[in-house]
């Protein structure tokens, strides 16, 4: 992954973050997750929101993938 990373999404928890990273991986996009700086405990808590990062080069495509996943989930 290139040095420049951008947050493409914020997941509610680790499970959701793993799912989003898996979807991005299936699309050929490398990603990583990190505890978000929001919520109770911030970066020091064990749970909570997770930021999903992708390289700056993959950001536009990753945004499309995440958006398509969100649209698909809202149709259920």
PDB file of N, CA and C in Angstrom:
ATOM      1  N   UNK A   1       0.864  -1.174   0.000  1.00  0.00           N
ATOM      2  CA  UNK A   1       0.000   0.000   0.000  1.00  0.00           C
ATOM      3  C   UNK A   1       0.902   1.226   0.000  1.00  0.00           C
ATOM      4  N   UNK A   2       0.542   2.218  -0.780  1.00  0.00           N
ATOM      5  CA  UNK A   2       1.360   3.424  -0.847  1.00  0.00           C
ATOM      6  C   UNK A   2       1.338   4.160   0.486  1.00  0.00           C
ATOM      7  N   UNK A   3       2.273   5.077   0.645  1.00  0.00           N
ATOM      8  CA  UNK A   3       2.389   5.832   1.891  1.00  0.00           C
ATOM      9  C   UNK A   3       1.140   6.647   2.205  1.00  0.00           C
ATOM     10  N   UNK A   4       0.544   7.249   1.187  1.00  0.00           N
ATOM     11  CA  UNK A   4      -0.638   8.088   1.399  1.00  0.00           C
ATOM     12  C   UNK A   4      -1.884   7.220   1.514  1.00  0.00           C
ATOM     13  N   UNK A   5      -2.539   7.270   2.675  1.00  0.00           N
ATOM     14  CA  UNK A   5      -3.758   6.506   2.899  1.00  0.00           C
ATOM     15  C   UNK A   5      -4.898   7.466   3.182  1.00  0.00           C
ATOM     16  N   UNK A   6      -6.093   7.048   2.802  1.00  0.00           N
ATOM     17  CA  UNK A   6      -7.288   7.854   3.051  1.00  0.00           C
ATOM     18  C   UNK A   6      -8.362   6.967   3.655  1.00  0.00           C
ATOM     19  N   UNK A   7      -9.187   7.566   4.512  1.00  0.00           N
ATOM     20  CA  UNK A   7     -10.300   6.835   5.114  1.00  0.00           C
ATOM     21  C   UNK A   7     -11.423   6.757   4.083  1.00  0.00           C
ATOM     22  N   UNK A   8     -11.789   5.532   3.724  1.00  0.00           N
ATOM     23  CA  UNK A   8     -12.858   5.328   2.751  1.00  0.00           C
ATOM     24  C   UNK A   8     -14.194   5.073   3.454  1.00  0.00           C
ATOM     25  N   UNK A   9     -14.145   4.612   4.698  1.00  0.00           N
ATOM     26  CA  UNK A   9     -15.375   4.335   5.450  1.00  0.00           C
ATOM     27  C   UNK A   9     -15.036   4.217   6.924  1.00  0.00           C
ATOM     28  N   UNK A  10     -16.048   4.346   7.747  1.00  0.00           N
ATOM     29  CA  UNK A  10     -15.919   4.076   9.177  1.00  0.00           C
ATOM     30  C   UNK A  10     -16.972   3.041   9.532  1.00  0.00           C
ATOM     31  N   UNK A  11     -16.515   1.928  10.074  1.00  0.00           N
ATOM     32  CA  UNK A  11     -17.397   0.830  10.452  1.00  0.00           C
ATOM     33  C   UNK A  11     -17.780   0.982  11.924  1.00  0.00           C
ATOM     34  N   UNK A  12     -18.927   0.466  12.278  1.00  0.00           N
ATOM     35  CA  UNK A  12     -19.429   0.576  13.645  1.00  0.00           C
ATOM     36  C   UNK A  12     -18.613  -0.247  14.637  1.00  0.00           C
ATOM     37  N   UNK A  13     -18.040  -1.365  14.144  1.00  0.00           N
ATOM     38  CA  UNK A  13     -17.296  -2.253  15.033  1.00  0.00           C
ATOM     39  C   UNK A  13     -16.318  -3.102  14.221  1.00  0.00           C
ATOM     40  N   UNK A  14     -15.556  -3.941  14.896  1.00  0.00           N
ATOM     41  CA  UNK A  14     -14.533  -4.749  14.226  1.00  0.00           C
ATOM     42  C   UNK A  14     -15.149  -5.724  13.227  1.00  0.00           C
ATOM     43  N   UNK A  15     -16.271  -6.322  13.563  1.00  0.00           N
ATOM     44  CA  UNK A  15     -16.929  -7.273  12.657  1.00  0.00           C
ATOM     45  C   UNK A  15     -17.296  -6.598  11.338  1.00  0.00           C
ATOM     46  N   UNK A  16     -17.937  -5.435  11.423  1.00  0.00           N
ATOM     47  CA  UNK A  16     -18.311  -4.704  10.215  1.00  0.00           C
ATOM     48  C   UNK A  16     -17.066  -4.282   9.428  1.00  0.00           C
ATOM     49  N   UNK A  17     -16.020  -3.887  10.123  1.00  0.00           N
ATOM     50  CA  UNK A  17     -14.778  -3.489   9.465  1.00  0.00           C
ATOM     51  C   UNK A  17     -14.169  -4.662   8.707  1.00  0.00           C
ATOM     52  N   UNK A  18     -14.181  -5.843   9.307  1.00  0.00           N
ATOM     53  CA  UNK A  18     -13.648  -7.035   8.638  1.00  0.00           C
ATOM     54  C   UNK A  18     -14.461  -7.345   7.380  1.00  0.00           C
ATOM     55  N   UNK A  19     -15.760  -7.180   7.459  1.00  0.00           N
ATOM     56  CA  UNK A  19     -16.608  -7.424   6.285  1.00  0.00           C
ATOM     57  C   UNK A  19     -16.275  -6.438   5.170  1.00  0.00           C
ATOM     58  N   UNK A  20     -16.144  -5.158   5.504  1.00  0.00           N
ATOM     59  CA  UNK A  20     -15.821  -4.152   4.495  1.00  0.00           C
ATOM     60  C   UNK A  20     -14.441  -4.399   3.884  1.00  0.00           C
ATOM     61  N   UNK A  21     -13.481  -4.754   4.713  1.00  0.00           N
ATOM     62  CA  UNK A  21     -12.139  -5.051   4.197  1.00  0.00           C
ATOM     63  C   UNK A  21     -12.183  -6.267   3.265  1.00  0.00           C
ATOM     64  N   UNK A  22     -13.005  -7.249   3.589  1.00  0.00           N
ATOM     65  CA  UNK A  22     -13.163  -8.421   2.737  1.00  0.00           C
ATOM     66  C   UNK A  22     -13.777  -8.068   1.392  1.00  0.00           C
ATOM     67  N   UNK A  23     -14.782  -7.202   1.407  1.00  0.00           N
ATOM     68  CA  UNK A  23     -15.425  -6.762   0.169  1.00  0.00           C
ATOM     69  C   UNK A  23     -14.439  -5.988  -0.696  1.00  0.00           C
ATOM     70  N   UNK A  24     -13.659  -5.126  -0.067  1.00  0.00           N
ATOM     71  CA  UNK A  24     -12.642  -4.380  -0.807  1.00  0.00           C
ATOM     72  C   UNK A  24     -11.596  -5.333  -1.379  1.00  0.00           C
ATOM     73  N   UNK A  25     -11.197  -6.319  -0.621  1.00  0.00           N
ATOM     74  CA  UNK A  25     -10.215  -7.295  -1.080  1.00  0.00           C
ATOM     75  C   UNK A  25     -10.736  -8.055  -2.301  1.00  0.00           C
ATOM     76  N   UNK A  26     -12.016  -8.447  -2.263  1.00  0.00           N
ATOM     77  CA  UNK A  26     -12.621  -9.136  -3.406  1.00  0.00           C
ATOM     78  C   UNK A  26     -12.605  -8.268  -4.657  1.00  0.00           C
ATOM     79  N   UNK A  27     -12.628  -6.948  -4.473  1.00  0.00           N
ATOM     80  CA  UNK A  27     -12.577  -6.011  -5.596  1.00  0.00           C
ATOM     81  C   UNK A  27     -11.133  -5.707  -5.999  1.00  0.00           C
ATOM     82  N   UNK A  28     -10.180  -6.353  -5.344  1.00  0.00           N
ATOM     83  CA  UNK A  28      -8.770  -6.147  -5.675  1.00  0.00           C
ATOM     84  C   UNK A  28      -8.157  -4.916  -5.038  1.00  0.00           C
ATOM     85  N   UNK A  29      -8.777  -4.431  -3.969  1.00  0.00           N
ATOM     86  CA  UNK A  29      -8.312  -3.221  -3.289  1.00  0.00           C
ATOM     87  C   UNK A  29      -7.763  -3.593  -1.918  1.00  0.00           C
ATOM     88  N   UNK A  30      -6.516  -3.269  -1.674  1.00  0.00           N
ATOM     89  CA  UNK A  30      -5.888  -3.525  -0.375  1.00  0.00           C
ATOM     90  C   UNK A  30      -6.388  -2.482   0.622  1.00  0.00           C
ATOM     91  N   UNK A  31      -6.729  -2.935   1.813  1.00  0.00           N
ATOM     92  CA  UNK A  31      -7.225  -2.015   2.838  1.00  0.00           C
ATOM     93  C   UNK A  31      -6.696  -2.434   4.198  1.00  0.00           C
ATOM     94  N   UNK A  32      -6.882  -1.545   5.149  1.00  0.00           N
ATOM     95  CA  UNK A  32      -6.540  -1.849   6.535  1.00  0.00           C
ATOM     96  C   UNK A  32      -7.514  -1.113   7.436  1.00  0.00           C
ATOM     97  N   UNK A  33      -7.632  -1.582   8.655  1.00  0.00           N
ATOM     98  CA  UNK A  33      -8.527  -0.940   9.610  1.00  0.00           C
ATOM     99  C   UNK A  33      -7.754  -0.515  10.843  1.00  0.00           C
ATOM    100  N   UNK A  34      -8.297   0.492  11.500  1.00  0.00           N
ATOM    101  CA  UNK A  34      -7.676   1.019  12.721  1.00  0.00           C
ATOM    102  C   UNK A  34      -8.801   1.570  13.590  1.00  0.00           C
ATOM    103  N   UNK A  35      -8.639   1.467  14.891  1.00  0.00           N
ATOM    104  CA  UNK A  35      -9.640   2.041  15.782  1.00  0.00           C
ATOM    105  C   UNK A  35      -9.855   3.502  15.443  1.00  0.00           C
ATOM    106  N   UNK A  36     -11.110   3.887  15.369  1.00  0.00           N
ATOM    107  CA  UNK A  36     -11.444   5.277  15.081  1.00  0.00           C
ATOM    108  C   UNK A  36     -11.143   6.130  16.299  1.00  0.00           C
ATOM    109  N   UNK A  37     -10.983   7.402  16.083  1.00  0.00           N
ATOM    110  CA  UNK A  37     -10.692   8.333  17.173  1.00  0.00           C
ATOM    111  C   UNK A  37     -11.982   8.888  17.761  1.00  0.00           C
ATOM    112  N   UNK A  38     -13.072   8.164  17.590  1.00  0.00           N
ATOM    113  CA  UNK A  38     -14.362   8.634  18.078  1.00  0.00           C
ATOM    114  C   UNK A  38     -14.929   7.664  19.102  1.00  0.00           C
ATOM    115  N   UNK A  39     -15.901   8.109  19.827  1.00  0.00           N
ATOM    116  CA  UNK A  39     -16.604   7.252  20.762  1.00  0.00           C
ATOM    117  C   UNK A  39     -15.898   7.124  22.096  1.00  0.00           C
ATOM    118  N   UNK A  40     -16.545   6.427  23.006  1.00  0.00           N
ATOM    119  CA  UNK A  40     -16.008   6.214  24.339  1.00  0.00           C
ATOM    120  C   UNK A  40     -14.739   5.371  24.230  1.00  0.00           C
ATOM    121  N   UNK A  41     -13.681   5.830  24.823  1.00  0.00           N
ATOM    122  CA  UNK A  41     -12.419   5.095  24.798  1.00  0.00           C
ATOM    123  C   UNK A  41     -11.494   5.526  23.685  1.00  0.00           C
ATOM    124  N   UNK A  42     -12.043   6.142  22.636  1.00  0.00           N
ATOM    125  CA  UNK A  42     -11.203   6.587  21.526  1.00  0.00           C
ATOM    126  C   UNK A  42     -10.291   5.497  21.028  1.00  0.00           C
ATOM    127  N   UNK A  43      -9.056   5.812  20.772  1.00  0.00           N
ATOM    128  CA  UNK A  43      -8.089   4.831  20.277  1.00  0.00           C
ATOM    129  C   UNK A  43      -7.600   3.892  21.375  1.00  0.00           C
ATOM    130  N   UNK A  44      -7.985   4.125  22.598  1.00  0.00           N
ATOM    131  CA  UNK A  44      -7.483   3.316  23.694  1.00  0.00           C
ATOM    132  C   UNK A  44      -8.439   2.206  24.100  1.00  0.00           C
ATOM    133  N   UNK A  45      -9.671   2.254  23.638  1.00  0.00           N
ATOM    134  CA  UNK A  45     -10.641   1.223  23.969  1.00  0.00           C
ATOM    135  C   UNK A  45     -10.450  -0.007  23.103  1.00  0.00           C
ATOM    136  N   UNK A  46     -10.979  -1.129  23.547  1.00  0.00           N
ATOM    137  CA  UNK A  46     -10.834  -2.364  22.795  1.00  0.00           C
ATOM    138  C   UNK A  46     -11.850  -2.524  21.690  1.00  0.00           C
ATOM    139  N   UNK A  47     -12.983  -1.866  21.797  1.00  0.00           N
ATOM    140  CA  UNK A  47     -14.029  -2.014  20.799  1.00  0.00           C
ATOM    141  C   UNK A  47     -14.365  -0.687  20.176  1.00  0.00           C
ATOM    142  N   UNK A  48     -15.453  -0.669  19.478  1.00  0.00           N
ATOM    143  CA  UNK A  48     -15.922   0.589  18.911  1.00  0.00           C
ATOM    144  C   UNK A  48     -15.662   0.732  17.431  1.00  0.00           C
ATOM    145  N   UNK A  49     -15.856   1.934  16.953  1.00  0.00           N
ATOM    146  CA  UNK A  49     -15.777   2.228  15.525  1.00  0.00           C
ATOM    147  C   UNK A  49     -14.369   2.018  14.979  1.00  0.00           C
ATOM    148  N   UNK A  50     -14.307   1.635  13.713  1.00  0.00           N
ATOM    149  CA  UNK A  50     -13.034   1.398  13.025  1.00  0.00           C
ATOM    150  C   UNK A  50     -13.013   2.183  11.720  1.00  0.00           C
ATOM    151  N   UNK A  51     -11.910   2.854  11.458  1.00  0.00           N
ATOM    152  CA  UNK A  51     -11.713   3.532  10.179  1.00  0.00           C
ATOM    153  C   UNK A  51     -11.098   2.542   9.200  1.00  0.00           C
ATOM    154  N   UNK A  52     -11.594   2.550   7.973  1.00  0.00           N
ATOM    155  CA  UNK A  52     -11.073   1.693   6.912  1.00  0.00           C
ATOM    156  C   UNK A  52     -10.238   2.571   5.988  1.00  0.00           C
ATOM    157  N   UNK A  53      -8.979   2.217   5.834  1.00  0.00           N
ATOM    158  CA  UNK A  53      -8.044   2.981   5.009  1.00  0.00           C
ATOM    159  C   UNK A  53      -7.716   2.236   3.720  1.00  0.00           C
ATOM    160  N   UNK A  54      -7.557   3.005   2.647  1.00  0.00           N
ATOM    161  CA  UNK A  54      -7.061   2.487   1.372  1.00  0.00           C
ATOM    162  C   UNK A  54      -6.011   3.461   0.854  1.00  0.00           C
ATOM    163  N   UNK A  55      -5.230   3.023  -0.114  1.00  0.00           N
ATOM    164  CA  UNK A  55      -4.244   3.926  -0.691  1.00  0.00           C
ATOM    165  C   UNK A  55      -4.970   5.037  -1.446  1.00  0.00           C
ATOM    166  N   UNK A  56      -4.307   6.162  -1.543  1.00  0.00           N
ATOM    167  CA  UNK A  56      -4.877   7.301  -2.246  1.00  0.00           C
ATOM    168  C   UNK A  56      -5.205   6.929  -3.698  1.00  0.00           C
ATOM    169  N   UNK A  57      -4.378   6.077  -4.304  1.00  0.00           N
ATOM    170  CA  UNK A  57      -4.597   5.647  -5.682  1.00  0.00           C
ATOM    171  C   UNK A  57      -5.878   4.830  -5.845  1.00  0.00           C
ATOM    172  N   UNK A  58      -6.273   4.090  -4.805  1.00  0.00           N
ATOM    173  CA  UNK A  58      -7.462   3.233  -4.864  1.00  0.00           C
ATOM    174  C   UNK A  58      -8.712   3.892  -4.288  1.00  0.00           C
ATOM    175  N   UNK A  59      -8.576   5.108  -3.783  1.00  0.00           N
ATOM    176  CA  UNK A  59      -9.667   5.735  -3.037  1.00  0.00           C
ATOM    177  C   UNK A  59     -10.967   5.849  -3.846  1.00  0.00           C
ATOM    178  N   UNK A  60     -10.897   6.332  -5.063  1.00  0.00           N
ATOM    179  CA  UNK A  60     -12.114   6.536  -5.855  1.00  0.00           C
ATOM    180  C   UNK A  60     -12.842   5.212  -6.101  1.00  0.00           C
ATOM    181  N   UNK A  61     -12.113   4.196  -6.508  1.00  0.00           N
ATOM    182  CA  UNK A  61     -12.718   2.879  -6.755  1.00  0.00           C
ATOM    183  C   UNK A  61     -13.259   2.289  -5.448  1.00  0.00           C
ATOM    184  N   UNK A  62     -12.517   2.431  -4.365  1.00  0.00           N
ATOM    185  CA  UNK A  62     -12.959   1.908  -3.069  1.00  0.00           C
ATOM    186  C   UNK A  62     -14.239   2.587  -2.616  1.00  0.00           C
ATOM    187  N   UNK A  63     -14.351   3.884  -2.870  1.00  0.00           N
ATOM    188  CA  UNK A  63     -15.572   4.612  -2.526  1.00  0.00           C
ATOM    189  C   UNK A  63     -16.766   4.037  -3.285  1.00  0.00           C
ATOM    190  N   UNK A  64     -16.558   3.718  -4.557  1.00  0.00           N
ATOM    191  CA  UNK A  64     -17.627   3.118  -5.363  1.00  0.00           C
ATOM    192  C   UNK A  64     -18.032   1.757  -4.811  1.00  0.00           C
ATOM    193  N   UNK A  65     -17.051   0.948  -4.436  1.00  0.00           N
ATOM    194  CA  UNK A  65     -17.318  -0.390  -3.899  1.00  0.00           C
ATOM    195  C   UNK A  65     -18.093  -0.297  -2.592  1.00  0.00           C
ATOM    196  N   UNK A  66     -17.654   0.572  -1.692  1.00  0.00           N
ATOM    197  CA  UNK A  66     -18.330   0.738  -0.400  1.00  0.00           C
ATOM    198  C   UNK A  66     -19.735   1.289  -0.606  1.00  0.00           C
ATOM    199  N   UNK A  67     -19.891   2.240  -1.503  1.00  0.00           N
ATOM    200  CA  UNK A  67     -21.204   2.821  -1.787  1.00  0.00           C
ATOM    201  C   UNK A  67     -22.152   1.769  -2.348  1.00  0.00           C
ATOM    202  N   UNK A  68     -21.657   0.948  -3.260  1.00  0.00           N
ATOM    203  CA  UNK A  68     -22.487  -0.114  -3.840  1.00  0.00           C
ATOM    204  C   UNK A  68     -22.919  -1.102  -2.760  1.00  0.00           C
ATOM    205  N   UNK A  69     -22.027  -1.399  -1.830  1.00  0.00           N
ATOM    206  CA  UNK A  69     -22.359  -2.306  -0.735  1.00  0.00           C
ATOM    207  C   UNK A  69     -23.428  -1.688   0.162  1.00  0.00           C
ATOM    208  N   UNK A  70     -23.317  -0.402   0.443  1.00  0.00           N
ATOM    209  CA  UNK A  70     -24.304   0.291   1.271  1.00  0.00           C
ATOM    210  C   UNK A  70     -25.665   0.310   0.588  1.00  0.00           C
ATOM    211  N   UNK A  71     -25.661   0.562  -0.709  1.00  0.00           N
ATOM    212  CA  UNK A  71     -26.921   0.576  -1.471  1.00  0.00           C
ATOM    213  C   UNK A  71     -27.564  -0.808  -1.474  1.00  0.00           C
ATOM    214  N   UNK A  72     -26.743  -1.850  -1.618  1.00  0.00           N
ATOM    215  CA  UNK A  72     -27.233  -3.220  -1.629  1.00  0.00           C
ATOM    216  C   UNK A  72     -27.847  -3.570  -0.273  1.00  0.00           C
ATOM    217  N   UNK A  73     -27.218  -3.146   0.812  1.00  0.00           N
ATOM    218  CA  UNK A  73     -27.717  -3.432   2.155  1.00  0.00           C
ATOM    219  C   UNK A  73     -29.004  -2.712   2.464  1.00  0.00           C
ATOM    220  N   UNK A  74     -29.235  -1.553   1.884  1.00  0.00           N
ATOM    221  CA  UNK A  74     -30.452  -0.795   2.166  1.00  0.00           C
ATOM    222  C   UNK A  74     -31.662  -1.344   1.411  1.00  0.00           C
ATOM    223  N   UNK A  75     -31.439  -2.218   0.430  1.00  0.00           N
ATOM    224  CA  UNK A  75     -32.541  -2.791  -0.324  1.00  0.00           C
ATOM    225  C   UNK A  75     -33.175  -3.965   0.384  1.00  0.00           C
ATOM    226  N   UNK A  76     -32.495  -4.511   1.403  1.00  0.00           N
ATOM    227  CA  UNK A  76     -33.022  -5.694   2.116  1.00  0.00           C
ATOM    228  C   UNK A  76     -34.224  -5.373   2.947  1.00  0.00           C
TER     229      UNK A  76
END
